[in-house]
């Protein structure tokens, strides 16, 4: 029998609503600021209701950037960020799933050694090896390129480990049945392993896309041309000095547009994301 506890239900809903308001209020202020003029933003107190400069502000940053900060259009920055995030997410998944498949299903000397060698690289993120990584990228001539933005960040020990753990739960009978039917490793990988890994790939894609989209240090170091700025770097470049010298209405409009793609990915892939994290049936 389900107990009816109205006081506890009201308290739980009150806590949830309070949490939602605390999280949503800064986003609301950002959105409101992106629809106001600079004079309205610096007015005390700032209006908390959207203004009538929504189209003007967003159109300006999309097509012309800002006057006091970066002059590159935000549309170009969004494209750069999208290319970088998609390349990192798909590249990490492709390399990791192939690496995990080889480690689990192929018998070769030093298999465990190679796996743990990959796993140890978790202690060497790009921030730790950024100087030699930059030197290699410079020698290869991939500075200020989309390849240079994504390639050094593609390898992923975490994704390799997660795929390896999942592959180890796949019954050996499936591999034996595929071998009896005359299927080789490639056919087994395409027809059996990939379909079983769809939800895990989707969950990793969401995480890795957001990881790639939010990258700051590496794009800051490798890009010197405004045409190659990502949107995260663009926001930083727009903040040129003190509060009075920044075009906060344009900065807030850029911040709102930078927020939309990862939020859209999470919303559209929410079902697959949750299923990939909690699914127990293999």
C-alpha atoms as a PDB file:
ATOM      1  CA  UNK A   1       0.000   0.000   0.000  1.00  0.00           C
ATOM      2  CA  UNK A   2       1.324   3.405  -0.973  1.00  0.00           C
ATOM      3  CA  UNK A   3       1.326   5.822   1.951  1.00  0.00           C
ATOM      4  CA  UNK A   4      -0.056   9.296   1.460  1.00  0.00           C
ATOM      5  CA  UNK A   5       2.320  11.821   3.012  1.00  0.00           C
ATOM      6  CA  UNK A   6       1.241  15.270   1.778  1.00  0.00           C
ATOM      7  CA  UNK A   7       3.651  17.198   4.021  1.00  0.00           C
ATOM      8  CA  UNK A   8       6.667  15.254   2.739  1.00  0.00           C
ATOM      9  CA  UNK A   9       5.500  15.624  -0.866  1.00  0.00           C
ATOM     10  CA  UNK A  10       5.065  19.377  -0.485  1.00  0.00           C
ATOM     11  CA  UNK A  11       8.507  19.700   1.107  1.00  0.00           C
ATOM     12  CA  UNK A  12      10.131  17.617  -1.628  1.00  0.00           C
ATOM     13  CA  UNK A  13       8.496  19.668  -4.368  1.00  0.00           C
ATOM     14  CA  UNK A  14       9.479  22.901  -2.626  1.00  0.00           C
ATOM     15  CA  UNK A  15      13.127  21.798  -2.506  1.00  0.00           C
ATOM     16  CA  UNK A  16      13.045  20.780  -6.187  1.00  0.00           C
ATOM     17  CA  UNK A  17      11.412  24.025  -7.279  1.00  0.00           C
ATOM     18  CA  UNK A  18      13.944  26.033  -5.251  1.00  0.00           C
ATOM     19  CA  UNK A  19      16.797  24.143  -6.897  1.00  0.00           C
ATOM     20  CA  UNK A  20      15.358  24.751 -10.370  1.00  0.00           C
ATOM     21  CA  UNK A  21      14.981  28.461  -9.665  1.00  0.00           C
ATOM     22  CA  UNK A  22      18.553  28.743  -8.378  1.00  0.00           C
ATOM     23  CA  UNK A  23      19.881  27.096 -11.533  1.00  0.00           C
ATOM     24  CA  UNK A  24      17.556  28.856 -13.967  1.00  0.00           C
ATOM     25  CA  UNK A  25      17.853  32.404 -12.593  1.00  0.00           C
ATOM     26  CA  UNK A  26      21.417  33.069 -13.915  1.00  0.00           C
ATOM     27  CA  UNK A  27      20.353  31.711 -17.310  1.00  0.00           C
ATOM     28  CA  UNK A  28      17.311  33.983 -17.294  1.00  0.00           C
ATOM     29  CA  UNK A  29      19.463  37.007 -16.413  1.00  0.00           C
ATOM     30  CA  UNK A  30      21.852  36.117 -19.242  1.00  0.00           C
ATOM     31  CA  UNK A  31      18.997  35.840 -21.719  1.00  0.00           C
ATOM     32  CA  UNK A  32      17.438  39.111 -20.569  1.00  0.00           C
ATOM     33  CA  UNK A  33      20.794  40.907 -20.823  1.00  0.00           C
ATOM     34  CA  UNK A  34      21.185  39.603 -24.387  1.00  0.00           C
ATOM     35  CA  UNK A  35      17.969  41.422 -25.367  1.00  0.00           C
ATOM     36  CA  UNK A  36      18.854  44.812 -23.826  1.00  0.00           C
ATOM     37  CA  UNK A  37      21.083  47.687 -24.825  1.00  0.00           C
ATOM     38  CA  UNK A  38      24.362  48.419 -23.068  1.00  0.00           C
ATOM     39  CA  UNK A  39      22.803  51.418 -21.305  1.00  0.00           C
ATOM     40  CA  UNK A  40      19.962  49.290 -19.962  1.00  0.00           C
ATOM     41  CA  UNK A  41      22.356  46.647 -18.642  1.00  0.00           C
ATOM     42  CA  UNK A  42      24.494  49.112 -16.670  1.00  0.00           C
ATOM     43  CA  UNK A  43      21.374  50.718 -15.202  1.00  0.00           C
ATOM     44  CA  UNK A  44      20.880  49.868 -11.527  1.00  0.00           C
ATOM     45  CA  UNK A  45      18.835  47.811 -11.064  1.00  0.00           C
ATOM     46  CA  UNK A  46      19.018  46.039 -14.411  1.00  0.00           C
ATOM     47  CA  UNK A  47      15.616  45.122 -15.882  1.00  0.00           C
ATOM     48  CA  UNK A  48      14.646  41.487 -15.376  1.00  0.00           C
ATOM     49  CA  UNK A  49      12.278  41.341 -18.318  1.00  0.00           C
ATOM     50  CA  UNK A  50      13.389  40.869 -21.953  1.00  0.00           C
ATOM     51  CA  UNK A  51      13.947  44.015 -23.987  1.00  0.00           C
ATOM     52  CA  UNK A  52      13.304  44.817 -27.643  1.00  0.00           C
ATOM     53  CA  UNK A  53      16.860  44.396 -28.983  1.00  0.00           C
ATOM     54  CA  UNK A  54      16.816  40.612 -29.327  1.00  0.00           C
ATOM     55  CA  UNK A  55      17.109  40.526 -33.111  1.00  0.00           C
ATOM     56  CA  UNK A  56      19.541  43.445 -33.279  1.00  0.00           C
ATOM     57  CA  UNK A  57      21.985  41.974 -30.755  1.00  0.00           C
ATOM     58  CA  UNK A  58      21.923  38.444 -32.094  1.00  0.00           C
ATOM     59  CA  UNK A  59      22.151  39.575 -35.700  1.00  0.00           C
ATOM     60  CA  UNK A  60      25.149  41.771 -34.946  1.00  0.00           C
ATOM     61  CA  UNK A  61      27.194  39.083 -33.200  1.00  0.00           C
ATOM     62  CA  UNK A  62      26.289  36.446 -35.788  1.00  0.00           C
ATOM     63  CA  UNK A  63      27.331  38.573 -38.735  1.00  0.00           C
ATOM     64  CA  UNK A  64      29.848  41.139 -37.474  1.00  0.00           C
ATOM     65  CA  UNK A  65      31.084  40.169 -34.003  1.00  0.00           C
ATOM     66  CA  UNK A  66      31.754  42.934 -31.501  1.00  0.00           C
ATOM     67  CA  UNK A  67      33.475  46.285 -31.928  1.00  0.00           C
ATOM     68  CA  UNK A  68      35.634  46.329 -28.784  1.00  0.00           C
ATOM     69  CA  UNK A  69      36.512  42.636 -28.591  1.00  0.00           C
ATOM     70  CA  UNK A  70      36.833  40.031 -31.307  1.00  0.00           C
ATOM     71  CA  UNK A  71      35.602  41.214 -34.703  1.00  0.00           C
ATOM     72  CA  UNK A  72      35.103  37.667 -36.028  1.00  0.00           C
ATOM     73  CA  UNK A  73      31.413  36.776 -36.530  1.00  0.00           C
ATOM     74  CA  UNK A  74      30.048  34.378 -33.935  1.00  0.00           C
ATOM     75  CA  UNK A  75      28.576  32.232 -36.716  1.00  0.00           C
ATOM     76  CA  UNK A  76      32.138  31.318 -37.752  1.00  0.00           C
ATOM     77  CA  UNK A  77      33.066  30.562 -34.151  1.00  0.00           C
ATOM     78  CA  UNK A  78      30.031  28.313 -33.779  1.00  0.00           C
ATOM     79  CA  UNK A  79      31.004  26.394 -36.902  1.00  0.00           C
ATOM     80  CA  UNK A  80      34.567  25.980 -35.598  1.00  0.00           C
ATOM     81  CA  UNK A  81      33.281  24.746 -32.239  1.00  0.00           C
ATOM     82  CA  UNK A  82      30.842  22.371 -33.927  1.00  0.00           C
ATOM     83  CA  UNK A  83      33.547  20.887 -36.166  1.00  0.00           C
ATOM     84  CA  UNK A  84      35.881  20.502 -33.200  1.00  0.00           C
ATOM     85  CA  UNK A  85      33.272  18.918 -30.924  1.00  0.00           C
ATOM     86  CA  UNK A  86      31.982  16.506 -33.577  1.00  0.00           C
ATOM     87  CA  UNK A  87      35.509  15.514 -34.613  1.00  0.00           C
ATOM     88  CA  UNK A  88      36.577  14.863 -31.030  1.00  0.00           C
ATOM     89  CA  UNK A  89      33.419  12.898 -30.150  1.00  0.00           C
ATOM     90  CA  UNK A  90      33.352  10.720 -33.266  1.00  0.00           C
ATOM     91  CA  UNK A  91      37.127  10.291 -33.310  1.00  0.00           C
ATOM     92  CA  UNK A  92      37.311   9.220 -29.672  1.00  0.00           C
ATOM     93  CA  UNK A  93      34.459   6.737 -30.104  1.00  0.00           C
ATOM     94  CA  UNK A  94      35.888   5.259 -33.329  1.00  0.00           C
ATOM     95  CA  UNK A  95      39.419   4.811 -31.978  1.00  0.00           C
ATOM     96  CA  UNK A  96      38.293   3.599 -28.561  1.00  0.00           C
ATOM     97  CA  UNK A  97      35.808   1.002 -29.787  1.00  0.00           C
ATOM     98  CA  UNK A  98      38.355  -0.453 -32.221  1.00  0.00           C
ATOM     99  CA  UNK A  99      41.050  -0.501 -29.542  1.00  0.00           C
ATOM    100  CA  UNK A 100      38.760  -2.180 -27.021  1.00  0.00           C
ATOM    101  CA  UNK A 101      37.620  -4.725 -29.621  1.00  0.00           C
ATOM    102  CA  UNK A 102      41.220  -5.656 -30.404  1.00  0.00           C
ATOM    103  CA  UNK A 103      42.135  -5.950 -26.715  1.00  0.00           C
ATOM    104  CA  UNK A 104      39.159  -8.158 -25.848  1.00  0.00           C
ATOM    105  CA  UNK A 105      38.788 -10.412 -28.898  1.00  0.00           C
ATOM    106  CA  UNK A 106      42.329 -10.809 -30.203  1.00  0.00           C
ATOM    107  CA  UNK A 107      44.940 -12.915 -28.471  1.00  0.00           C
ATOM    108  CA  UNK A 108      48.410 -11.441 -28.871  1.00  0.00           C
ATOM    109  CA  UNK A 109      51.500 -11.126 -26.638  1.00  0.00           C
ATOM    110  CA  UNK A 110      51.425  -8.150 -24.315  1.00  0.00           C
ATOM    111  CA  UNK A 111      47.696  -7.563 -24.647  1.00  0.00           C
ATOM    112  CA  UNK A 112      47.272  -6.584 -20.990  1.00  0.00           C
ATOM    113  CA  UNK A 113      50.408  -4.457 -21.110  1.00  0.00           C
ATOM    114  CA  UNK A 114      49.108  -2.428 -24.049  1.00  0.00           C
ATOM    115  CA  UNK A 115      45.733  -1.950 -22.383  1.00  0.00           C
ATOM    116  CA  UNK A 116      47.242  -0.678 -19.145  1.00  0.00           C
ATOM    117  CA  UNK A 117      49.634   1.499 -21.129  1.00  0.00           C
ATOM    118  CA  UNK A 118      46.603   3.157 -22.683  1.00  0.00           C
ATOM    119  CA  UNK A 119      44.884   3.397 -19.310  1.00  0.00           C
ATOM    120  CA  UNK A 120      47.902   5.075 -17.672  1.00  0.00           C
ATOM    121  CA  UNK A 121      47.526   7.991 -20.109  1.00  0.00           C
ATOM    122  CA  UNK A 122      44.630   9.144 -17.915  1.00  0.00           C
ATOM    123  CA  UNK A 123      47.353  10.664 -15.744  1.00  0.00           C
ATOM    124  CA  UNK A 124      48.612  12.671 -18.728  1.00  0.00           C
ATOM    125  CA  UNK A 125      45.794  15.005 -19.843  1.00  0.00           C
ATOM    126  CA  UNK A 126      46.474  17.594 -22.512  1.00  0.00           C
ATOM    127  CA  UNK A 127      47.147  20.246 -19.854  1.00  0.00           C
ATOM    128  CA  UNK A 128      50.139  18.239 -18.570  1.00  0.00           C
ATOM    129  CA  UNK A 129      51.659  17.589 -22.015  1.00  0.00           C
ATOM    130  CA  UNK A 130      50.583  20.822 -23.651  1.00  0.00           C
ATOM    131  CA  UNK A 131      54.080  22.113 -24.515  1.00  0.00           C
ATOM    132  CA  UNK A 132      55.294  18.993 -26.382  1.00  0.00           C
ATOM    133  CA  UNK A 133      51.844  18.638 -27.962  1.00  0.00           C
ATOM    134  CA  UNK A 134      52.039  22.201 -29.244  1.00  0.00           C
ATOM    135  CA  UNK A 135      55.562  21.548 -30.559  1.00  0.00           C
ATOM    136  CA  UNK A 136      54.367  18.482 -32.493  1.00  0.00           C
ATOM    137  CA  UNK A 137      51.361  20.387 -33.874  1.00  0.00           C
ATOM    138  CA  UNK A 138      53.645  23.227 -34.948  1.00  0.00           C
ATOM    139  CA  UNK A 139      56.075  20.845 -36.660  1.00  0.00           C
ATOM    140  CA  UNK A 140      53.179  19.207 -38.511  1.00  0.00           C
ATOM    141  CA  UNK A 141      51.909  22.608 -39.667  1.00  0.00           C
ATOM    142  CA  UNK A 142      48.417  22.195 -38.227  1.00  0.00           C
ATOM    143  CA  UNK A 143      48.259  25.384 -36.168  1.00  0.00           C
ATOM    144  CA  UNK A 144      45.146  27.460 -36.933  1.00  0.00           C
ATOM    145  CA  UNK A 145      43.433  24.483 -38.568  1.00  0.00           C
ATOM    146  CA  UNK A 146      40.459  22.312 -37.694  1.00  0.00           C
ATOM    147  CA  UNK A 147      42.766  19.291 -37.703  1.00  0.00           C
ATOM    148  CA  UNK A 148      44.983  20.948 -35.131  1.00  0.00           C
ATOM    149  CA  UNK A 149      42.003  21.774 -32.928  1.00  0.00           C
ATOM    150  CA  UNK A 150      40.707  18.199 -32.789  1.00  0.00           C
ATOM    151  CA  UNK A 151      43.509  15.726 -33.529  1.00  0.00           C
ATOM    152  CA  UNK A 152      45.551  16.056 -30.281  1.00  0.00           C
ATOM    153  CA  UNK A 153      42.380  15.519 -28.201  1.00  0.00           C
ATOM    154  CA  UNK A 154      40.974  12.481 -30.012  1.00  0.00           C
ATOM    155  CA  UNK A 155      42.638   9.641 -28.060  1.00  0.00           C
ATOM    156  CA  UNK A 156      40.598   8.571 -25.020  1.00  0.00           C
ATOM    157  CA  UNK A 157      41.645   6.034 -22.403  1.00  0.00           C
ATOM    158  CA  UNK A 158      38.341   6.423 -20.573  1.00  0.00           C
ATOM    159  CA  UNK A 159      36.228   5.457 -23.583  1.00  0.00           C
ATOM    160  CA  UNK A 160      38.574   2.537 -24.333  1.00  0.00           C
ATOM    161  CA  UNK A 161      38.168   1.285 -20.775  1.00  0.00           C
ATOM    162  CA  UNK A 162      34.365   1.603 -20.857  1.00  0.00           C
ATOM    163  CA  UNK A 163      34.077  -0.238 -24.178  1.00  0.00           C
ATOM    164  CA  UNK A 164      36.451  -2.949 -22.937  1.00  0.00           C
ATOM    165  CA  UNK A 165      34.350  -3.506 -19.826  1.00  0.00           C
ATOM    166  CA  UNK A 166      31.192  -3.735 -21.938  1.00  0.00           C
ATOM    167  CA  UNK A 167      32.709  -6.136 -24.468  1.00  0.00           C
ATOM    168  CA  UNK A 168      33.758  -8.431 -21.639  1.00  0.00           C
ATOM    169  CA  UNK A 169      30.073  -8.835 -20.703  1.00  0.00           C
ATOM    170  CA  UNK A 170      29.101 -10.035 -24.192  1.00  0.00           C
ATOM    171  CA  UNK A 171      28.662 -13.825 -24.030  1.00  0.00           C
ATOM    172  CA  UNK A 172      31.458 -15.818 -25.636  1.00  0.00           C
ATOM    173  CA  UNK A 173      28.779 -17.927 -27.314  1.00  0.00           C
ATOM    174  CA  UNK A 174      28.066 -15.065 -29.710  1.00  0.00           C
ATOM    175  CA  UNK A 175      31.653 -15.027 -30.924  1.00  0.00           C
ATOM    176  CA  UNK A 176      31.663 -18.824 -31.209  1.00  0.00           C
ATOM    177  CA  UNK A 177      28.409 -18.796 -33.173  1.00  0.00           C
ATOM    178  CA  UNK A 178      29.753 -16.142 -35.524  1.00  0.00           C
ATOM    179  CA  UNK A 179      32.928 -18.168 -36.046  1.00  0.00           C
ATOM    180  CA  UNK A 180      30.934 -21.315 -36.825  1.00  0.00           C
ATOM    181  CA  UNK A 181      28.829 -19.381 -39.348  1.00  0.00           C
ATOM    182  CA  UNK A 182      32.020 -18.337 -41.106  1.00  0.00           C
ATOM    183  CA  UNK A 183      31.992 -14.690 -39.983  1.00  0.00           C
ATOM    184  CA  UNK A 184      35.416 -13.104 -39.630  1.00  0.00           C
ATOM    185  CA  UNK A 185      36.415 -10.490 -37.053  1.00  0.00           C
ATOM    186  CA  UNK A 186      35.245  -7.569 -39.192  1.00  0.00           C
ATOM    187  CA  UNK A 187      31.835  -9.124 -39.862  1.00  0.00           C
ATOM    188  CA  UNK A 188      31.447 -10.025 -36.182  1.00  0.00           C
ATOM    189  CA  UNK A 189      32.353  -6.468 -35.223  1.00  0.00           C
ATOM    190  CA  UNK A 190      29.897  -4.874 -37.679  1.00  0.00           C
ATOM    191  CA  UNK A 191      26.959  -7.273 -37.281  1.00  0.00           C
ATOM    192  CA  UNK A 192      27.164  -8.130 -33.579  1.00  0.00           C
ATOM    193  CA  UNK A 193      29.357  -5.795 -31.549  1.00  0.00           C
ATOM    194  CA  UNK A 194      28.308  -2.460 -33.053  1.00  0.00           C
ATOM    195  CA  UNK A 195      24.519  -3.035 -32.700  1.00  0.00           C
ATOM    196  CA  UNK A 196      24.998  -4.060 -29.066  1.00  0.00           C
ATOM    197  CA  UNK A 197      27.101  -0.950 -28.420  1.00  0.00           C
ATOM    198  CA  UNK A 198      24.682   1.654 -29.794  1.00  0.00           C
ATOM    199  CA  UNK A 199      23.417   2.935 -26.452  1.00  0.00           C
ATOM    200  CA  UNK A 200      26.914   3.126 -24.995  1.00  0.00           C
ATOM    201  CA  UNK A 201      28.153   4.978 -28.047  1.00  0.00           C
ATOM    202  CA  UNK A 202      25.270   7.440 -27.730  1.00  0.00           C
ATOM    203  CA  UNK A 203      25.967   8.075 -24.044  1.00  0.00           C
ATOM    204  CA  UNK A 204      29.664   8.598 -24.728  1.00  0.00           C
ATOM    205  CA  UNK A 205      28.861  10.855 -27.681  1.00  0.00           C
ATOM    206  CA  UNK A 206      26.906  13.243 -25.435  1.00  0.00           C
ATOM    207  CA  UNK A 207      29.700  13.377 -22.863  1.00  0.00           C
ATOM    208  CA  UNK A 208      32.482  13.737 -25.415  1.00  0.00           C
ATOM    209  CA  UNK A 209      30.613  16.337 -27.490  1.00  0.00           C
ATOM    210  CA  UNK A 210      30.236  18.568 -24.436  1.00  0.00           C
ATOM    211  CA  UNK A 211      33.882  17.901 -23.551  1.00  0.00           C
ATOM    212  CA  UNK A 212      34.998  19.014 -27.006  1.00  0.00           C
ATOM    213  CA  UNK A 213      32.638  21.991 -27.129  1.00  0.00           C
ATOM    214  CA  UNK A 214      33.882  23.372 -23.793  1.00  0.00           C
ATOM    215  CA  UNK A 215      37.591  23.084 -24.572  1.00  0.00           C
ATOM    216  CA  UNK A 216      39.391  26.312 -23.692  1.00  0.00           C
ATOM    217  CA  UNK A 217      43.123  25.905 -23.055  1.00  0.00           C
ATOM    218  CA  UNK A 218      44.094  24.031 -26.232  1.00  0.00           C
ATOM    219  CA  UNK A 219      42.114  26.267 -28.669  1.00  0.00           C
ATOM    220  CA  UNK A 220      43.469  29.315 -26.852  1.00  0.00           C
ATOM    221  CA  UNK A 221      47.023  28.126 -27.455  1.00  0.00           C
ATOM    222  CA  UNK A 222      46.734  26.809 -30.998  1.00  0.00           C
ATOM    223  CA  UNK A 223      44.603  29.541 -32.622  1.00  0.00           C
ATOM    224  CA  UNK A 224      45.978  32.976 -33.398  1.00  0.00           C
ATOM    225  CA  UNK A 225      43.684  33.809 -36.301  1.00  0.00           C
ATOM    226  CA  UNK A 226      40.236  35.150 -35.426  1.00  0.00           C
ATOM    227  CA  UNK A 227      38.709  33.067 -38.197  1.00  0.00           C
ATOM    228  CA  UNK A 228      39.694  29.919 -36.261  1.00  0.00           C
ATOM    229  CA  UNK A 229      38.413  30.990 -32.838  1.00  0.00           C
ATOM    230  CA  UNK A 230      35.949  28.675 -31.132  1.00  0.00           C
ATOM    231  CA  UNK A 231      32.952  30.269 -29.458  1.00  0.00           C
ATOM    232  CA  UNK A 232      34.429  29.715 -25.974  1.00  0.00           C
ATOM    233  CA  UNK A 233      37.561  31.618 -26.992  1.00  0.00           C
ATOM    234  CA  UNK A 234      35.381  34.242 -28.686  1.00  0.00           C
ATOM    235  CA  UNK A 235      33.588  35.013 -25.445  1.00  0.00           C
ATOM    236  CA  UNK A 236      36.912  35.505 -23.686  1.00  0.00           C
ATOM    237  CA  UNK A 237      38.185  37.775 -26.481  1.00  0.00           C
ATOM    238  CA  UNK A 238      35.054  39.908 -26.233  1.00  0.00           C
ATOM    239  CA  UNK A 239      35.853  40.697 -22.597  1.00  0.00           C
ATOM    240  CA  UNK A 240      38.508  43.251 -23.399  1.00  0.00           C
ATOM    241  CA  UNK A 241      38.825  45.294 -20.225  1.00  0.00           C
ATOM    242  CA  UNK A 242      36.839  46.705 -17.332  1.00  0.00           C
ATOM    243  CA  UNK A 243      33.085  46.397 -16.988  1.00  0.00           C
ATOM    244  CA  UNK A 244      32.454  49.775 -18.594  1.00  0.00           C
ATOM    245  CA  UNK A 245      34.417  48.942 -21.748  1.00  0.00           C
ATOM    246  CA  UNK A 246      32.744  45.592 -22.480  1.00  0.00           C
ATOM    247  CA  UNK A 247      29.715  45.226 -24.707  1.00  0.00           C
ATOM    248  CA  UNK A 248      27.821  43.053 -22.263  1.00  0.00           C
ATOM    249  CA  UNK A 249      24.682  42.818 -24.379  1.00  0.00           C
ATOM    250  CA  UNK A 250      26.712  41.225 -27.185  1.00  0.00           C
ATOM    251  CA  UNK A 251      28.713  39.039 -24.809  1.00  0.00           C
ATOM    252  CA  UNK A 252      25.510  37.693 -23.268  1.00  0.00           C
ATOM    253  CA  UNK A 253      24.020  37.024 -26.699  1.00  0.00           C
ATOM    254  CA  UNK A 254      27.143  35.056 -27.624  1.00  0.00           C
ATOM    255  CA  UNK A 255      26.986  33.139 -24.340  1.00  0.00           C
ATOM    256  CA  UNK A 256      23.369  32.151 -25.020  1.00  0.00           C
ATOM    257  CA  UNK A 257      24.253  30.886 -28.496  1.00  0.00           C
ATOM    258  CA  UNK A 258      27.249  28.991 -27.098  1.00  0.00           C
ATOM    259  CA  UNK A 259      24.908  27.294 -24.634  1.00  0.00           C
ATOM    260  CA  UNK A 260      22.361  26.085 -27.188  1.00  0.00           C
ATOM    261  CA  UNK A 261      24.220  23.335 -29.167  1.00  0.00           C
ATOM    262  CA  UNK A 262      25.326  21.217 -26.159  1.00  0.00           C
ATOM    263  CA  UNK A 263      21.921  21.724 -24.523  1.00  0.00           C
ATOM    264  CA  UNK A 264      20.242  20.635 -27.747  1.00  0.00           C
ATOM    265  CA  UNK A 265      22.437  17.514 -27.945  1.00  0.00           C
ATOM    266  CA  UNK A 266      21.529  16.576 -24.365  1.00  0.00           C
ATOM    267  CA  UNK A 267      17.805  17.120 -24.951  1.00  0.00           C
ATOM    268  CA  UNK A 268      17.669  15.238 -28.256  1.00  0.00           C
ATOM    269  CA  UNK A 269      19.773  12.325 -27.023  1.00  0.00           C
ATOM    270  CA  UNK A 270      18.494  12.221 -23.449  1.00  0.00           C
ATOM    271  CA  UNK A 271      16.742   8.873 -23.888  1.00  0.00           C
ATOM    272  CA  UNK A 272      19.810   7.211 -25.408  1.00  0.00           C
ATOM    273  CA  UNK A 273      22.099   8.875 -22.878  1.00  0.00           C
ATOM    274  CA  UNK A 274      20.189   7.587 -19.847  1.00  0.00           C
ATOM    275  CA  UNK A 275      19.725   4.156 -21.401  1.00  0.00           C
ATOM    276  CA  UNK A 276      23.420   3.847 -22.135  1.00  0.00           C
ATOM    277  CA  UNK A 277      24.348   4.699 -18.548  1.00  0.00           C
ATOM    278  CA  UNK A 278      21.822   2.512 -16.716  1.00  0.00           C
ATOM    279  CA  UNK A 279      21.242  -0.377 -19.109  1.00  0.00           C
ATOM    280  CA  UNK A 280      22.084  -3.695 -17.476  1.00  0.00           C
ATOM    281  CA  UNK A 281      20.792  -6.197 -20.012  1.00  0.00           C
ATOM    282  CA  UNK A 282      23.531  -7.150 -22.472  1.00  0.00           C
END
